[in-house]
PDB file of N, CA and C in Angstrom:
ATOM      1  N   TYR A   1      -8.633   6.966 -10.812  1.00  0.00           N
ATOM      2  CA  TYR A   1      -9.572   6.843 -10.147  1.00  0.00           C
ATOM      3  C   TYR A   1      -9.219   7.490  -8.837  1.00  0.00           C
ATOM      4  N   ALA A   2      -8.129   7.296  -7.985  1.00  0.00           N
ATOM      5  CA  ALA A   2      -7.588   7.693  -6.735  1.00  0.00           C
ATOM      6  C   ALA A   2      -7.388   9.450  -6.756  1.00  0.00           C
ATOM      7  N   LEU A   3      -7.199  10.033  -8.005  1.00  0.00           N
ATOM      8  CA  LEU A   3      -7.109  11.435  -8.129  1.00  0.00           C
ATOM      9  C   LEU A   3      -8.725  11.935  -8.021  1.00  0.00           C
ATOM     10  N   GLU A   4      -9.579  11.310  -8.180  1.00  0.00           N
ATOM     11  CA  GLU A   4     -10.893  11.844  -8.326  1.00  0.00           C
ATOM     12  C   GLU A   4     -11.736  11.680  -6.695  1.00  0.00           C
ATOM     13  N   ASN A   5     -10.883  10.926  -5.905  1.00  0.00           N
ATOM     14  CA  ASN A   5     -11.377  10.478  -4.704  1.00  0.00           C
ATOM     15  C   ASN A   5     -10.502  11.081  -3.648  1.00  0.00           C
ATOM     16  N   HIS A   6     -11.013  11.203  -2.145  1.00  0.00           N
ATOM     17  CA  HIS A   6      -9.935  11.509  -0.922  1.00  0.00           C
ATOM     18  C   HIS A   6     -10.032  10.360  -0.098  1.00  0.00           C
ATOM     19  N   TYR A   7      -8.780  10.038   0.122  1.00  0.00           N
ATOM     20  CA  TYR A   7      -8.777   8.961   0.912  1.00  0.00           C
ATOM     21  C   TYR A   7      -7.719   9.333   1.870  1.00  0.00           C
ATOM     22  N   ASP A   8      -7.841   8.996   3.368  1.00  0.00           N
ATOM     23  CA  ASP A   8      -7.113   9.205   4.461  1.00  0.00           C
ATOM     24  C   ASP A   8      -5.870   8.881   4.421  1.00  0.00           C
ATOM     25  N   LEU A   9      -5.458   7.756   3.943  1.00  0.00           N
ATOM     26  CA  LEU A   9      -4.501   7.000   3.923  1.00  0.00           C
ATOM     27  C   LEU A   9      -4.224   5.604   2.700  1.00  0.00           C
ATOM     28  N   TYR A  10      -3.384   5.551   2.133  1.00  0.00           N
ATOM     29  CA  TYR A  10      -3.185   4.561   1.307  1.00  0.00           C
ATOM     30  C   TYR A  10      -2.045   3.662   1.627  1.00  0.00           C
ATOM     31  N   LEU A  11      -2.625   2.256   1.655  1.00  0.00           N
ATOM     32  CA  LEU A  11      -1.819   1.233   2.192  1.00  0.00           C
ATOM     33  C   LEU A  11      -0.941   0.829   0.710  1.00  0.00           C
ATOM     34  N   LEU A  12       0.526   0.898   0.613  1.00  0.00           N
ATOM     35  CA  LEU A  12       1.234   0.890  -0.109  1.00  0.00           C
ATOM     36  C   LEU A  12       1.769  -0.706  -0.027  1.00  0.00           C
ATOM     37  N   THR A  13       1.482  -1.872  -0.421  1.00  0.00           N
ATOM     38  CA  THR A  13       1.823  -3.223  -0.436  1.00  0.00           C
ATOM     39  C   THR A  13       3.463  -3.345  -0.913  1.00  0.00           C
ATOM     40  N   ASP A  14       4.316  -3.681  -0.021  1.00  0.00           N
ATOM     41  CA  ASP A  14       5.716  -3.996  -0.388  1.00  0.00           C
ATOM     42  C   ASP A  14       5.734  -5.509  -1.389  1.00  0.00           C
ATOM     43  N   ILE A  15       7.028  -5.668  -1.865  1.00  0.00           N
ATOM     44  CA  ILE A  15       6.787  -7.059  -2.615  1.00  0.00           C
ATOM     45  C   ILE A  15       7.941  -8.060  -1.859  1.00  0.00           C
ATOM     46  N   ASP A  16       7.965  -8.044  -0.650  1.00  0.00           N
ATOM     47  CA  ASP A  16       8.922  -9.022  -0.275  1.00  0.00           C
ATOM     48  C   ASP A  16       8.095  -9.954   0.235  1.00  0.00           C
ATOM     49  N   ILE A  17       6.910 -10.653  -0.187  1.00  0.00           N
ATOM     50  CA  ILE A  17       6.515 -11.833  -0.017  1.00  0.00           C
ATOM     51  C   ILE A  17       6.545 -12.431  -1.186  1.00  0.00           C
ATOM     52  N   PRO A  18       6.330 -13.535  -1.532  1.00  0.00           N
ATOM     53  CA  PRO A  18       5.892 -14.174  -2.942  1.00  0.00           C
ATOM     54  C   PRO A  18       5.069 -13.775  -3.449  1.00  0.00           C
ATOM     55  N   TRP A  19       5.125 -13.804  -4.816  1.00  0.00           N
ATOM     56  CA  TRP A  19       4.014 -13.526  -6.074  1.00  0.00           C
ATOM     57  C   TRP A  19       3.107 -14.880  -5.904  1.00  0.00           C
ATOM     58  N   VAL A  20       1.701 -14.527  -5.605  1.00  0.00           N
ATOM     59  CA  VAL A  20       0.798 -15.671  -6.023  1.00  0.00           C
ATOM     60  C   VAL A  20      -0.171 -15.021  -6.968  1.00  0.00           C
ATOM     61  N   LYS A  21      -0.208 -15.711  -7.976  1.00  0.00           N
ATOM     62  CA  LYS A  21      -1.211 -15.430  -9.041  1.00  0.00           C
ATOM     63  C   LYS A  21      -2.630 -15.894  -8.847  1.00  0.00           C
ATOM     64  N   ASP A  22      -3.344 -14.731  -9.085  1.00  0.00           N
ATOM     65  CA  ASP A  22      -4.711 -14.779  -8.827  1.00  0.00           C
ATOM     66  C   ASP A  22      -5.586 -13.581  -9.819  1.00  0.00           C
ATOM     67  N   ASP A  23      -6.846 -13.544  -9.893  1.00  0.00           N
ATOM     68  CA  ASP A  23      -7.381 -12.714 -10.684  1.00  0.00           C
ATOM     69  C   ASP A  23      -7.240 -11.154 -10.699  1.00  0.00           C
ATOM     70  N   LEU A  24      -6.461 -10.933  -9.898  1.00  0.00           N
ATOM     71  CA  LEU A  24      -6.145  -9.308  -9.301  1.00  0.00           C
ATOM     72  C   LEU A  24      -4.663  -9.228  -9.925  1.00  0.00           C
ATOM     73  N   ARG A  25      -3.725  -9.762  -9.476  1.00  0.00           N
ATOM     74  CA  ARG A  25      -2.319  -9.565  -9.791  1.00  0.00           C
ATOM     75  C   ARG A  25      -2.057 -10.156 -11.178  1.00  0.00           C
ATOM     76  N   ASP A  26      -1.021  -9.119 -11.510  1.00  0.00           N
ATOM     77  CA  ASP A  26      -0.394  -9.846 -12.996  1.00  0.00           C
ATOM     78  C   ASP A  26       1.118  -9.168 -12.893  1.00  0.00           C
ATOM     79  N   ARG A  27       1.728  -9.247 -13.982  1.00  0.00           N
ATOM     80  CA  ARG A  27       3.062  -9.065 -14.094  1.00  0.00           C
ATOM     81  C   ARG A  27       4.122  -9.598 -12.894  1.00  0.00           C
ATOM     82  N   PRO A  28       4.302 -10.744 -12.750  1.00  0.00           N
ATOM     83  CA  PRO A  28       5.038 -10.923 -11.593  1.00  0.00           C
ATOM     84  C   PRO A  28       6.524 -10.819 -11.711  1.00  0.00           C
ATOM     85  N   ASN A  29       6.899 -10.350 -13.014  1.00  0.00           N
ATOM     86  CA  ASN A  29       8.138 -10.289 -13.273  1.00  0.00           C
ATOM     87  C   ASN A  29       8.444  -8.409 -13.374  1.00  0.00           C
ATOM     88  N   ASN A  30       7.403  -7.750 -13.006  1.00  0.00           N
ATOM     89  CA  ASN A  30       7.649  -6.161 -12.871  1.00  0.00           C
ATOM     90  C   ASN A  30       7.254  -5.763 -11.451  1.00  0.00           C
ATOM     91  N   ARG A  31       7.302  -6.630 -10.713  1.00  0.00           N
ATOM     92  CA  ARG A  31       6.697  -6.068  -9.174  1.00  0.00           C
ATOM     93  C   ARG A  31       7.481  -4.928  -8.585  1.00  0.00           C
ATOM     94  N   MET A  32       8.866  -4.947  -8.558  1.00  0.00           N
ATOM     95  CA  MET A  32       9.647  -3.637  -8.333  1.00  0.00           C
ATOM     96  C   MET A  32       8.974  -2.734  -9.308  1.00  0.00           C
ATOM     97  N   GLU A  33       9.282  -2.653 -10.393  1.00  0.00           N
ATOM     98  CA  GLU A  33       8.794  -1.643 -11.380  1.00  0.00           C
ATOM     99  C   GLU A  33       7.101  -0.815 -10.797  1.00  0.00           C
ATOM    100  N   MET A  34       6.418  -1.782 -10.820  1.00  0.00           N
ATOM    101  CA  MET A  34       4.863  -1.442 -10.471  1.00  0.00           C
ATOM    102  C   MET A  34       4.869  -0.871  -8.964  1.00  0.00           C
ATOM    103  N   PHE A  35       5.543  -1.459  -7.760  1.00  0.00           N
ATOM    104  CA  PHE A  35       5.763  -0.906  -6.676  1.00  0.00           C
ATOM    105  C   PHE A  35       6.350   0.585  -6.959  1.00  0.00           C
ATOM    106  N   LEU A  36       7.071   0.860  -7.559  1.00  0.00           N
ATOM    107  CA  LEU A  36       8.097   2.121  -7.534  1.00  0.00           C
ATOM    108  C   LEU A  36       7.028   3.151  -8.346  1.00  0.00           C
ATOM    109  N   ALA A  37       6.407   2.397  -9.290  1.00  0.00           N
ATOM    110  CA  ALA A  37       5.622   3.308 -10.033  1.00  0.00           C
ATOM    111  C   ALA A  37       4.367   4.137  -9.320  1.00  0.00           C
ATOM    112  N   PHE A  38       3.595   2.941  -8.165  1.00  0.00           N
ATOM    113  CA  PHE A  38       2.380   3.576  -7.318  1.00  0.00           C
ATOM    114  C   PHE A  38       3.320   4.249  -6.496  1.00  0.00           C
ATOM    115  N   LYS A  39       4.405   4.125  -5.914  1.00  0.00           N
ATOM    116  CA  LYS A  39       4.790   5.067  -4.821  1.00  0.00           C
ATOM    117  C   LYS A  39       5.322   6.413  -5.324  1.00  0.00           C
ATOM    118  N   LYS A  40       5.706   6.525  -6.689  1.00  0.00           N
ATOM    119  CA  LYS A  40       6.028   7.728  -7.573  1.00  0.00           C
ATOM    120  C   LYS A  40       4.910   8.532  -7.671  1.00  0.00           C
ATOM    121  N   THR A  41       3.528   7.825  -7.830  1.00  0.00           N
ATOM    122  CA  THR A  41       2.359   8.558  -8.031  1.00  0.00           C
ATOM    123  C   THR A  41       1.868   9.161  -6.567  1.00  0.00           C
ATOM    124  N   LEU A  42       1.535   8.283  -5.785  1.00  0.00           N
ATOM    125  CA  LEU A  42       1.706   8.592  -4.448  1.00  0.00           C
ATOM    126  C   LEU A  42       2.214   9.967  -4.051  1.00  0.00           C
ATOM    127  N   ILE A  43       3.559   9.993  -4.236  1.00  0.00           N
ATOM    128  CA  ILE A  43       4.292  11.091  -3.890  1.00  0.00           C
ATOM    129  C   ILE A  43       4.086  12.196  -4.653  1.00  0.00           C
ATOM    130  N   LYS A  44       3.791  11.957  -5.976  1.00  0.00           N
ATOM    131  CA  LYS A  44       3.674  13.247  -6.968  1.00  0.00           C
ATOM    132  C   LYS A  44       2.317  13.730  -6.591  1.00  0.00           C
ATOM    133  N   TYR A  45       1.364  13.046  -6.204  1.00  0.00           N
ATOM    134  CA  TYR A  45      -0.017  13.903  -5.755  1.00  0.00           C
ATOM    135  C   TYR A  45       0.084  14.098  -4.543  1.00  0.00           C
ATOM    136  N   LYS A  46       1.101  13.862  -3.530  1.00  0.00           N
ATOM    137  CA  LYS A  46       1.029  14.400  -2.170  1.00  0.00           C
ATOM    138  C   LYS A  46      -0.095  13.372  -1.490  1.00  0.00           C
ATOM    139  N   LYS A  47      -0.269  12.486  -1.933  1.00  0.00           N
ATOM    140  CA  LYS A  47      -1.074  11.314  -1.098  1.00  0.00           C
ATOM    141  C   LYS A  47      -0.565  10.773  -0.124  1.00  0.00           C
ATOM    142  N   PRO A  48      -1.506  10.704   1.151  1.00  0.00           N
ATOM    143  CA  PRO A  48      -0.608  10.351   2.269  1.00  0.00           C
ATOM    144  C   PRO A  48      -0.765   8.469   2.211  1.00  0.00           C
ATOM    145  N   TYR A  49       0.447   8.078   2.192  1.00  0.00           N
ATOM    146  CA  TYR A  49       0.777   6.881   2.380  1.00  0.00           C
ATOM    147  C   TYR A  49       1.644   6.079   3.321  1.00  0.00           C
ATOM    148  N   VAL A  50       1.433   4.602   3.391  1.00  0.00           N
ATOM    149  CA  VAL A  50       2.600   3.803   4.180  1.00  0.00           C
ATOM    150  C   VAL A  50       2.861   2.808   3.478  1.00  0.00           C
ATOM    151  N   ILE A  51       3.997   1.932   3.726  1.00  0.00           N
ATOM    152  CA  ILE A  51       4.470   0.912   3.098  1.00  0.00           C
ATOM    153  C   ILE A  51       4.324  -0.251   4.146  1.00  0.00           C
ATOM    154  N   VAL A  52       3.598  -0.925   3.726  1.00  0.00           N
ATOM    155  CA  VAL A  52       3.141  -2.228   4.301  1.00  0.00           C
ATOM    156  C   VAL A  52       4.190  -3.500   4.070  1.00  0.00           C
ATOM    157  N   SER A  53       4.828  -4.070   4.731  1.00  0.00           N
ATOM    158  CA  SER A  53       5.713  -5.010   4.467  1.00  0.00           C
ATOM    159  C   SER A  53       5.919  -6.060   5.627  1.00  0.00           C
ATOM    160  N   GLY A  54       6.830  -7.027   5.283  1.00  0.00           N
ATOM    161  CA  GLY A  54       6.880  -8.107   5.973  1.00  0.00           C
ATOM    162  C   GLY A  54       5.875  -9.436   5.850  1.00  0.00           C
ATOM    163  N   ASN A  55       5.934 -10.255   6.862  1.00  0.00           N
ATOM    164  CA  ASN A  55       4.883 -11.534   6.808  1.00  0.00           C
ATOM    165  C   ASN A  55       3.528 -11.041   7.111  1.00  0.00           C
ATOM    166  N   LEU A  56       2.374 -11.630   6.854  1.00  0.00           N
ATOM    167  CA  LEU A  56       1.319 -11.161   6.988  1.00  0.00           C
ATOM    168  C   LEU A  56       0.855 -10.601   8.261  1.00  0.00           C
ATOM    169  N   GLU A  57       1.568 -11.136   9.485  1.00  0.00           N
ATOM    170  CA  GLU A  57       1.108 -11.001  10.806  1.00  0.00           C
ATOM    171  C   GLU A  57       1.739  -9.418  10.896  1.00  0.00           C
ATOM    172  N   ASN A  58       2.999  -9.186  10.557  1.00  0.00           N
ATOM    173  CA  ASN A  58       3.499  -7.575  10.309  1.00  0.00           C
ATOM    174  C   ASN A  58       2.877  -6.687   9.622  1.00  0.00           C
ATOM    175  N   ARG A  59       2.223  -7.100   8.578  1.00  0.00           N
ATOM    176  CA  ARG A  59       1.712  -6.379   7.788  1.00  0.00           C
ATOM    177  C   ARG A  59       0.197  -5.841   8.417  1.00  0.00           C
ATOM    178  N   ILE A  60      -0.473  -6.607   8.877  1.00  0.00           N
ATOM    179  CA  ILE A  60      -1.780  -6.519   9.613  1.00  0.00           C
ATOM    180  C   ILE A  60      -1.261  -5.485  10.801  1.00  0.00           C
ATOM    181  N   LYS A  61      -0.215  -5.655  11.596  1.00  0.00           N
ATOM    182  CA  LYS A  61      -0.038  -4.493  12.642  1.00  0.00           C
ATOM    183  C   LYS A  61       0.240  -3.673  12.364  1.00  0.00           C
ATOM    184  N   ILE A  62       1.065  -3.403  11.054  1.00  0.00           N
ATOM    185  CA  ILE A  62       1.474  -2.023  10.442  1.00  0.00           C
ATOM    186  C   ILE A  62       0.139  -1.206   9.917  1.00  0.00           C
ATOM    187  N   ALA A  63      -0.943  -1.860   9.355  1.00  0.00           N
ATOM    188  CA  ALA A  63      -2.054  -1.333   8.836  1.00  0.00           C
ATOM    189  C   ALA A  63      -2.854  -0.895   9.768  1.00  0.00           C
ATOM    190  N   VAL A  64      -3.035  -1.704  10.841  1.00  0.00           N
ATOM    191  CA  VAL A  64      -3.892  -1.387  12.127  1.00  0.00           C
ATOM    192  C   VAL A  64      -3.435  -0.192  12.543  1.00  0.00           C
ATOM    193  N   PHE A  65      -1.948  -0.373  13.160  1.00  0.00           N
ATOM    194  CA  PHE A  65      -1.533   0.925  13.550  1.00  0.00           C
ATOM    195  C   PHE A  65      -1.521   2.272  13.100  1.00  0.00           C
ATOM    196  N   GLU A  66      -1.399   2.368  11.602  1.00  0.00           N
ATOM    197  CA  GLU A  66      -1.408   3.517  11.051  1.00  0.00           C
ATOM    198  C   GLU A  66      -3.036   3.789  10.890  1.00  0.00           C
ATOM    199  N   ILE A  67      -3.927   3.332  10.569  1.00  0.00           N
ATOM    200  CA  ILE A  67      -5.179   3.388  10.884  1.00  0.00           C
ATOM    201  C   ILE A  67      -5.973   3.959  12.011  1.00  0.00           C
ATOM    202  N   ASP A  68      -5.407   2.972  12.798  1.00  0.00           N
ATOM    203  CA  ASP A  68      -5.540   3.646  14.450  1.00  0.00           C
ATOM    204  C   ASP A  68      -5.203   5.075  14.481  1.00  0.00           C
ATOM    205  N   LYS A  69      -4.056   5.354  13.956  1.00  0.00           N
ATOM    206  CA  LYS A  69      -3.580   6.791  14.224  1.00  0.00           C
ATOM    207  C   LYS A  69      -4.410   8.076  13.741  1.00  0.00           C
ATOM    208  N   LEU A  70      -5.558   7.551  12.698  1.00  0.00           N
ATOM    209  CA  LEU A  70      -6.326   8.294  11.870  1.00  0.00           C
ATOM    210  C   LEU A  70      -7.892   8.481  12.527  1.00  0.00           C
ATOM    211  N   LEU A  71      -8.075   7.378  13.390  1.00  0.00           N
ATOM    212  CA  LEU A  71      -9.504   7.529  14.059  1.00  0.00           C
ATOM    213  C   LEU A  71      -9.280   8.313  15.509  1.00  0.00           C
ATOM    214  N   PRO A  72     -10.581   8.913  15.710  1.00  0.00           N
ATOM    215  CA  PRO A  72     -10.612  10.005  16.808  1.00  0.00           C
ATOM    216  C   PRO A  72     -10.458   8.919  18.054  1.00  0.00           C
ATOM    217  N   LYS A  73      -9.969   9.948  18.816  1.00  0.00           N
ATOM    218  CA  LYS A  73      -9.487   9.410  20.522  1.00  0.00           C
ATOM    219  C   LYS A  73     -10.769   9.943  21.299  1.00  0.00           C
ATOM    220  N   ASN A  74     -11.302   8.990  21.971  1.00  0.00           N
ATOM    221  CA  ASN A  74     -12.240   9.022  22.745  1.00  0.00           C
ATOM    222  C   ASN A  74     -11.584   9.759  24.142  1.00  0.00           C
TER     223      ASN A  74
END
């Protein structure tokens, strides 16, 4: 799906917070494997990405900072 669309930035979430079961998340025992697979794919297809890590506050700061860099300056 991602290869069919253009996105200015991918936010790759790190595995440094506890896993919580929900309807979207699976494979709690394969988190590093999945993280590395996503990262490898982003690199392979030269997709722009940033790793978002830390606690919730830090993750939001990273995401906002990186997205702000993409927005036009007035």
